[in-house]
Amino acid sequence: MAEEAADAVPELPDDVREEIAGAVRAALAKHGYAGLTTRKVAAESERSEAFFFYHCDTKADLILVFLEWAAGWSLDRFAAAAAEPDPVRKLYLACDRLLGDPDDEFERGTNVAMMELLSHAPHDAAFRDRLEAYERRVLSDLAGVVREGTEAGVLREVDPEATAAFLLMAADGTAGAVHALGMRDVEAGVRDRLFDYLDTKLLAEGVEPPEGF
């Protein structure tokens, strides 16, 4: 298939998009971007190779379908945490979602596939634009969670954007080491230190961490 990046994600029915994204996710996690072919994508589904050719003209189309799905999946997980009414628990849940679950193979595969594409983003505008838009959306949403906590008086007066950037970059780096490299000892240590940071540097005086964290 052609290697050039497409500018627009193919318009597909939701069930088709999810099926294609799932197969691309599995193939990327198993073979990487360079080794990705339509045949290998089809092998991760019950569909024929012709099914994928019918809906996506290029390799880039397949990737963009996956990127759109993966960003939506990640944002939905974050939104579920942000729906928590208690601003303190909301922040802790959001950070927990960002760190991810190393025991969840579906989540691990999705993160590995995303990181595989991240390495190609500097050389591909379509990938870069979508990945940057996703990261900036998470950054904005996380800053909103921090801002809500400061306005409610349960968090210290901090810069919401800078704090969110620190938390997001710590979580992104940890996910990379854990999901791609299997460094579980790193995950445990960073998780402890990150929540210790929330406990000691962000919570307002007299506010207790939520149960379970």
C-alpha atoms as a PDB file:
ATOM      1  CA  MET A   1       0.000   0.000   0.000  1.00  0.00           C
ATOM      2  CA  ALA A   2       1.114   3.605  -0.528  1.00  0.00           C
ATOM      3  CA  GLU A   3       3.005   5.211   2.341  1.00  0.00           C
ATOM      4  CA  GLU A   4       1.834   8.796   1.904  1.00  0.00           C
ATOM      5  CA  ALA A   5      -0.265  10.295   4.692  1.00  0.00           C
ATOM      6  CA  ALA A   6      -3.894  11.108   4.046  1.00  0.00           C
ATOM      7  CA  ASP A   7      -5.289  14.464   5.074  1.00  0.00           C
ATOM      8  CA  ALA A   8      -8.711  13.249   6.132  1.00  0.00           C
ATOM      9  CA  VAL A   9      -9.934  10.187   7.993  1.00  0.00           C
ATOM     10  CA  PRO A  10     -12.160   8.031   5.781  1.00  0.00           C
ATOM     11  CA  GLU A  11     -15.827   8.436   6.686  1.00  0.00           C
ATOM     12  CA  LEU A  12     -17.004   5.039   7.861  1.00  0.00           C
ATOM     13  CA  PRO A  13     -19.936   3.569   9.804  1.00  0.00           C
ATOM     14  CA  ASP A  14     -19.114   3.251  13.512  1.00  0.00           C
ATOM     15  CA  ASP A  15     -19.010  -0.544  13.470  1.00  0.00           C
ATOM     16  CA  VAL A  16     -16.673  -0.603  10.470  1.00  0.00           C
ATOM     17  CA  ARG A  17     -14.404   2.031  12.016  1.00  0.00           C
ATOM     18  CA  GLU A  18     -14.166   0.077  15.260  1.00  0.00           C
ATOM     19  CA  GLU A  19     -13.432  -3.177  13.431  1.00  0.00           C
ATOM     20  CA  ILE A  20     -10.690  -1.604  11.326  1.00  0.00           C
ATOM     21  CA  ALA A  21      -9.207   0.236  14.305  1.00  0.00           C
ATOM     22  CA  GLY A  22      -9.109  -2.934  16.377  1.00  0.00           C
ATOM     23  CA  ALA A  23      -7.287  -4.870  13.675  1.00  0.00           C
ATOM     24  CA  VAL A  24      -4.810  -2.031  13.063  1.00  0.00           C
ATOM     25  CA  ARG A  25      -4.199  -1.703  16.811  1.00  0.00           C
ATOM     26  CA  ALA A  26      -3.347  -5.399  17.119  1.00  0.00           C
ATOM     27  CA  ALA A  27      -1.177  -5.406  13.983  1.00  0.00           C
ATOM     28  CA  LEU A  28       0.741  -2.288  15.022  1.00  0.00           C
ATOM     29  CA  ALA A  29       1.420  -3.662  18.489  1.00  0.00           C
ATOM     30  CA  LYS A  30       2.642  -6.945  16.975  1.00  0.00           C
ATOM     31  CA  HIS A  31       4.540  -5.815  13.861  1.00  0.00           C
ATOM     32  CA  GLY A  32       5.218  -2.076  14.235  1.00  0.00           C
ATOM     33  CA  TYR A  33       4.581   0.641  11.668  1.00  0.00           C
ATOM     34  CA  ALA A  34       7.315  -0.375   9.240  1.00  0.00           C
ATOM     35  CA  GLY A  35       6.069  -3.944   9.127  1.00  0.00           C
ATOM     36  CA  LEU A  36       2.404  -3.052   8.820  1.00  0.00           C
ATOM     37  CA  THR A  37       0.614  -4.351   5.724  1.00  0.00           C
ATOM     38  CA  THR A  38      -3.028  -4.801   4.823  1.00  0.00           C
ATOM     39  CA  ARG A  39      -2.513  -8.546   4.941  1.00  0.00           C
ATOM     40  CA  LYS A  40      -1.201  -8.362   8.504  1.00  0.00           C
ATOM     41  CA  VAL A  41      -4.086  -6.090   9.513  1.00  0.00           C
ATOM     42  CA  ALA A  42      -6.597  -8.520   7.991  1.00  0.00           C
ATOM     43  CA  ALA A  43      -4.934 -11.384   9.864  1.00  0.00           C
ATOM     44  CA  GLU A  44      -5.958  -9.693  13.120  1.00  0.00           C
ATOM     45  CA  SER A  45      -9.643  -9.839  12.164  1.00  0.00           C
ATOM     46  CA  GLU A  46     -12.172 -12.206  10.645  1.00  0.00           C
ATOM     47  CA  ARG A  47     -12.362 -10.032   7.530  1.00  0.00           C
ATOM     48  CA  SER A  48     -10.646 -10.538   4.191  1.00  0.00           C
ATOM     49  CA  GLU A  49      -7.923  -8.221   2.943  1.00  0.00           C
ATOM     50  CA  ALA A  50     -10.425  -6.954   0.367  1.00  0.00           C
ATOM     51  CA  PHE A  51     -12.602  -5.568   3.177  1.00  0.00           C
ATOM     52  CA  PHE A  52      -9.787  -3.250   4.283  1.00  0.00           C
ATOM     53  CA  PHE A  53      -8.899  -2.235   0.731  1.00  0.00           C
ATOM     54  CA  TYR A  54     -12.550  -1.391   0.116  1.00  0.00           C
ATOM     55  CA  HIS A  55     -12.740   1.032   3.031  1.00  0.00           C
ATOM     56  CA  CYS A  56      -9.173   2.403   3.112  1.00  0.00           C
ATOM     57  CA  ASP A  57      -7.164   3.263  -0.002  1.00  0.00           C
ATOM     58  CA  THR A  58      -3.774   3.549   1.693  1.00  0.00           C
ATOM     59  CA  LYS A  59      -1.793   2.386   4.678  1.00  0.00           C
ATOM     60  CA  ALA A  60      -2.062   5.944   5.973  1.00  0.00           C
ATOM     61  CA  ASP A  61      -5.871   5.710   5.835  1.00  0.00           C
ATOM     62  CA  LEU A  62      -5.762   2.623   8.043  1.00  0.00           C
ATOM     63  CA  ILE A  63      -3.495   4.405  10.511  1.00  0.00           C
ATOM     64  CA  LEU A  64      -5.676   7.505  10.640  1.00  0.00           C
ATOM     65  CA  VAL A  65      -8.781   5.412  11.310  1.00  0.00           C
ATOM     66  CA  PHE A  66      -6.932   3.850  14.222  1.00  0.00           C
ATOM     67  CA  LEU A  67      -5.662   7.206  15.513  1.00  0.00           C
ATOM     68  CA  GLU A  68      -9.139   8.702  15.498  1.00  0.00           C
ATOM     69  CA  TRP A  69     -10.542   5.685  17.330  1.00  0.00           C
ATOM     70  CA  ALA A  70      -7.670   5.505  19.852  1.00  0.00           C
ATOM     71  CA  ALA A  71      -7.940   9.211  20.713  1.00  0.00           C
ATOM     72  CA  GLY A  72     -11.675   8.827  21.255  1.00  0.00           C
ATOM     73  CA  TRP A  73     -11.165   5.722  23.395  1.00  0.00           C
ATOM     74  CA  SER A  74      -8.587   7.465  25.575  1.00  0.00           C
ATOM     75  CA  LEU A  75     -10.669  10.619  25.941  1.00  0.00           C
ATOM     76  CA  ASP A  76     -13.718   8.569  26.886  1.00  0.00           C
ATOM     77  CA  ARG A  77     -11.735   6.929  29.701  1.00  0.00           C
ATOM     78  CA  PHE A  78     -10.591  10.342  30.891  1.00  0.00           C
ATOM     79  CA  ALA A  79     -14.130  11.735  30.635  1.00  0.00           C
ATOM     80  CA  ALA A  80     -15.426   8.901  32.804  1.00  0.00           C
ATOM     81  CA  ALA A  81     -13.000   9.982  35.528  1.00  0.00           C
ATOM     82  CA  ALA A  82     -13.874  13.658  35.012  1.00  0.00           C
ATOM     83  CA  ALA A  83     -17.557  12.848  35.576  1.00  0.00           C
ATOM     84  CA  GLU A  84     -16.782  12.168  39.247  1.00  0.00           C
ATOM     85  CA  PRO A  85     -18.485  14.964  41.259  1.00  0.00           C
ATOM     86  CA  ASP A  86     -15.865  15.201  44.028  1.00  0.00           C
ATOM     87  CA  PRO A  87     -13.008  17.379  42.650  1.00  0.00           C
ATOM     88  CA  VAL A  88     -10.325  15.629  44.721  1.00  0.00           C
ATOM     89  CA  ARG A  89     -11.354  12.130  43.691  1.00  0.00           C
ATOM     90  CA  LYS A  90     -11.731  13.405  40.134  1.00  0.00           C
ATOM     91  CA  LEU A  91      -8.061  14.447  40.025  1.00  0.00           C
ATOM     92  CA  TYR A  92      -6.831  11.156  41.463  1.00  0.00           C
ATOM     93  CA  LEU A  93      -8.981   9.121  39.071  1.00  0.00           C
ATOM     94  CA  ALA A  94      -7.769  11.202  36.119  1.00  0.00           C
ATOM     95  CA  CYS A  95      -4.132  10.539  37.020  1.00  0.00           C
ATOM     96  CA  ASP A  96      -4.871   6.853  37.507  1.00  0.00           C
ATOM     97  CA  ARG A  97      -6.393   6.690  34.009  1.00  0.00           C
ATOM     98  CA  LEU A  98      -3.399   8.489  32.515  1.00  0.00           C
ATOM     99  CA  LEU A  99      -0.935   6.073  34.120  1.00  0.00           C
ATOM    100  CA  GLY A 100      -2.933   3.143  32.770  1.00  0.00           C
ATOM    101  CA  ASP A 101      -3.191  -0.473  33.864  1.00  0.00           C
ATOM    102  CA  PRO A 102      -0.143  -2.584  32.905  1.00  0.00           C
ATOM    103  CA  ASP A 103      -2.178  -5.759  33.469  1.00  0.00           C
ATOM    104  CA  ASP A 104      -4.757  -4.815  30.824  1.00  0.00           C
ATOM    105  CA  GLU A 105      -3.527  -6.322  27.540  1.00  0.00           C
ATOM    106  CA  PHE A 106      -6.011  -4.351  25.436  1.00  0.00           C
ATOM    107  CA  GLU A 107      -4.854  -1.096  26.977  1.00  0.00           C
ATOM    108  CA  ARG A 108      -1.212  -2.099  26.682  1.00  0.00           C
ATOM    109  CA  GLY A 109      -1.622  -2.916  22.996  1.00  0.00           C
ATOM    110  CA  THR A 110      -3.364   0.380  22.338  1.00  0.00           C
ATOM    111  CA  ASN A 111      -0.642   2.369  24.081  1.00  0.00           C
ATOM    112  CA  VAL A 112       2.145   0.488  22.295  1.00  0.00           C
ATOM    113  CA  ALA A 113       0.468   1.176  18.942  1.00  0.00           C
ATOM    114  CA  MET A 114       0.099   4.870  19.783  1.00  0.00           C
ATOM    115  CA  MET A 115       3.738   5.116  20.838  1.00  0.00           C
ATOM    116  CA  GLU A 116       4.805   3.384  17.628  1.00  0.00           C
ATOM    117  CA  LEU A 117       3.066   6.128  15.652  1.00  0.00           C
ATOM    118  CA  LEU A 118       4.465   8.837  17.913  1.00  0.00           C
ATOM    119  CA  SER A 119       7.964   7.926  16.738  1.00  0.00           C
ATOM    120  CA  HIS A 120       6.890   8.649  13.153  1.00  0.00           C
ATOM    121  CA  ALA A 121       5.011  11.858  13.949  1.00  0.00           C
ATOM    122  CA  PRO A 122       7.983  14.235  13.384  1.00  0.00           C
ATOM    123  CA  HIS A 123       8.093  13.075   9.760  1.00  0.00           C
ATOM    124  CA  ASP A 124       4.364  12.818   9.035  1.00  0.00           C
ATOM    125  CA  ALA A 125       2.152  15.887   9.376  1.00  0.00           C
ATOM    126  CA  ALA A 126      -1.106  13.942   9.437  1.00  0.00           C
ATOM    127  CA  PHE A 127       0.035  11.754  12.327  1.00  0.00           C
ATOM    128  CA  ARG A 128       1.659  14.660  14.149  1.00  0.00           C
ATOM    129  CA  ASP A 129      -1.389  16.926  13.910  1.00  0.00           C
ATOM    130  CA  ARG A 130      -3.733  14.276  15.281  1.00  0.00           C
ATOM    131  CA  LEU A 131      -1.432  13.155  18.071  1.00  0.00           C
ATOM    132  CA  GLU A 132      -0.738  16.749  19.099  1.00  0.00           C
ATOM    133  CA  ALA A 133      -4.457  17.563  19.067  1.00  0.00           C
ATOM    134  CA  TYR A 134      -5.081  14.565  21.332  1.00  0.00           C
ATOM    135  CA  GLU A 135      -2.323  15.507  23.785  1.00  0.00           C
ATOM    136  CA  ARG A 136      -3.466  19.129  23.915  1.00  0.00           C
ATOM    137  CA  ARG A 137      -7.042  18.039  24.543  1.00  0.00           C
ATOM    138  CA  VAL A 138      -5.953  15.870  27.479  1.00  0.00           C
ATOM    139  CA  LEU A 139      -3.758  18.710  28.752  1.00  0.00           C
ATOM    140  CA  SER A 140      -6.672  21.145  28.595  1.00  0.00           C
ATOM    141  CA  ASP A 141      -9.076  18.731  30.293  1.00  0.00           C
ATOM    142  CA  LEU A 142      -6.580  17.914  33.044  1.00  0.00           C
ATOM    143  CA  ALA A 143      -5.890  21.613  33.616  1.00  0.00           C
ATOM    144  CA  GLY A 144      -9.649  22.047  33.968  1.00  0.00           C
ATOM    145  CA  VAL A 145      -9.715  19.380  36.685  1.00  0.00           C
ATOM    146  CA  VAL A 146      -6.899  21.142  38.571  1.00  0.00           C
ATOM    147  CA  ARG A 147      -8.581  24.532  38.128  1.00  0.00           C
ATOM    148  CA  GLU A 148     -11.864  23.178  39.468  1.00  0.00           C
ATOM    149  CA  GLY A 149     -10.084  21.872  42.554  1.00  0.00           C
ATOM    150  CA  THR A 150      -8.338  25.169  43.268  1.00  0.00           C
ATOM    151  CA  GLU A 151     -11.569  27.112  42.812  1.00  0.00           C
ATOM    152  CA  ALA A 152     -13.324  24.727  45.206  1.00  0.00           C
ATOM    153  CA  GLY A 153     -10.576  25.310  47.768  1.00  0.00           C
ATOM    154  CA  VAL A 154      -9.567  21.642  47.966  1.00  0.00           C
ATOM    155  CA  LEU A 155      -6.318  22.154  46.029  1.00  0.00           C
ATOM    156  CA  ARG A 156      -3.567  24.672  46.621  1.00  0.00           C
ATOM    157  CA  GLU A 157      -3.295  27.760  44.428  1.00  0.00           C
ATOM    158  CA  VAL A 158      -1.171  26.408  41.582  1.00  0.00           C
ATOM    159  CA  ASP A 159      -0.856  27.116  37.880  1.00  0.00           C
ATOM    160  CA  PRO A 160      -3.390  24.666  36.366  1.00  0.00           C
ATOM    161  CA  GLU A 161      -1.697  24.466  32.956  1.00  0.00           C
ATOM    162  CA  ALA A 162       1.834  23.933  34.308  1.00  0.00           C
ATOM    163  CA  THR A 163       0.613  21.394  36.862  1.00  0.00           C
ATOM    164  CA  ALA A 164      -1.373  19.513  34.241  1.00  0.00           C
ATOM    165  CA  ALA A 165       1.643  19.486  31.920  1.00  0.00           C
ATOM    166  CA  PHE A 166       3.845  17.996  34.652  1.00  0.00           C
ATOM    167  CA  LEU A 167       1.288  15.296  35.489  1.00  0.00           C
ATOM    168  CA  LEU A 168       0.647  14.417  31.849  1.00  0.00           C
ATOM    169  CA  MET A 169       4.317  14.182  30.905  1.00  0.00           C
ATOM    170  CA  ALA A 170       5.050  12.014  33.958  1.00  0.00           C
ATOM    171  CA  ALA A 171       2.173   9.727  33.030  1.00  0.00           C
ATOM    172  CA  ASP A 172       3.127   9.572  29.337  1.00  0.00           C
ATOM    173  CA  GLY A 173       6.717   8.688  30.126  1.00  0.00           C
ATOM    174  CA  THR A 174       5.686   6.042  32.619  1.00  0.00           C
ATOM    175  CA  ALA A 175       3.240   4.468  30.178  1.00  0.00           C
ATOM    176  CA  GLY A 176       6.002   4.270  27.594  1.00  0.00           C
ATOM    177  CA  ALA A 177       8.439   2.531  29.922  1.00  0.00           C
ATOM    178  CA  VAL A 178       5.836   0.165  31.330  1.00  0.00           C
ATOM    179  CA  HIS A 179       3.723  -0.735  28.306  1.00  0.00           C
ATOM    180  CA  ALA A 180       6.496  -0.809  25.708  1.00  0.00           C
ATOM    181  CA  LEU A 181       9.424  -2.034  27.820  1.00  0.00           C
ATOM    182  CA  GLY A 182       7.699  -3.939  30.624  1.00  0.00           C
ATOM    183  CA  MET A 183       9.432  -1.946  33.384  1.00  0.00           C
ATOM    184  CA  ARG A 184       6.865  -2.745  36.058  1.00  0.00           C
ATOM    185  CA  ASP A 185       9.190  -1.650  38.875  1.00  0.00           C
ATOM    186  CA  VAL A 186       9.281   1.822  37.317  1.00  0.00           C
ATOM    187  CA  GLU A 187       5.487   1.939  37.133  1.00  0.00           C
ATOM    188  CA  ALA A 188       5.082   1.150  40.816  1.00  0.00           C
ATOM    189  CA  GLY A 189       7.661   3.721  41.878  1.00  0.00           C
ATOM    190  CA  VAL A 190       6.362   6.526  39.679  1.00  0.00           C
ATOM    191  CA  ARG A 191       2.759   5.814  40.649  1.00  0.00           C
ATOM    192  CA  ASP A 192       3.692   6.078  44.335  1.00  0.00           C
ATOM    193  CA  ARG A 193       5.630   9.314  43.815  1.00  0.00           C
ATOM    194  CA  LEU A 194       2.958  10.861  41.613  1.00  0.00           C
ATOM    195  CA  PHE A 195       0.224  10.275  44.153  1.00  0.00           C
ATOM    196  CA  ASP A 196       2.575  11.434  46.907  1.00  0.00           C
ATOM    197  CA  TYR A 197       2.961  14.662  44.914  1.00  0.00           C
ATOM    198  CA  LEU A 198      -0.832  15.021  44.837  1.00  0.00           C
ATOM    199  CA  ASP A 199      -1.028  14.309  48.572  1.00  0.00           C
ATOM    200  CA  THR A 200       1.712  16.687  49.695  1.00  0.00           C
ATOM    201  CA  LYS A 201       1.958  19.389  47.028  1.00  0.00           C
ATOM    202  CA  LEU A 202      -1.533  19.796  45.599  1.00  0.00           C
ATOM    203  CA  LEU A 203      -4.080  19.014  48.282  1.00  0.00           C
ATOM    204  CA  ALA A 204      -5.035  22.030  50.354  1.00  0.00           C
ATOM    205  CA  GLU A 205      -4.270  21.952  54.068  1.00  0.00           C
ATOM    206  CA  GLY A 206      -6.655  19.672  55.911  1.00  0.00           C
ATOM    207  CA  VAL A 207      -7.879  17.870  52.787  1.00  0.00           C
ATOM    208  CA  GLU A 208      -7.407  14.104  52.835  1.00  0.00           C
ATOM    209  CA  PRO A 209      -6.636  11.897  49.796  1.00  0.00           C
ATOM    210  CA  PRO A 210      -9.597   9.850  48.578  1.00  0.00           C
ATOM    211  CA  GLU A 211      -9.899   6.230  49.662  1.00  0.00           C
ATOM    212  CA  GLY A 212      -8.168   3.742  47.404  1.00  0.00           C
ATOM    213  CA  PHE A 213      -5.224   5.995  46.553  1.00  0.00           C
END
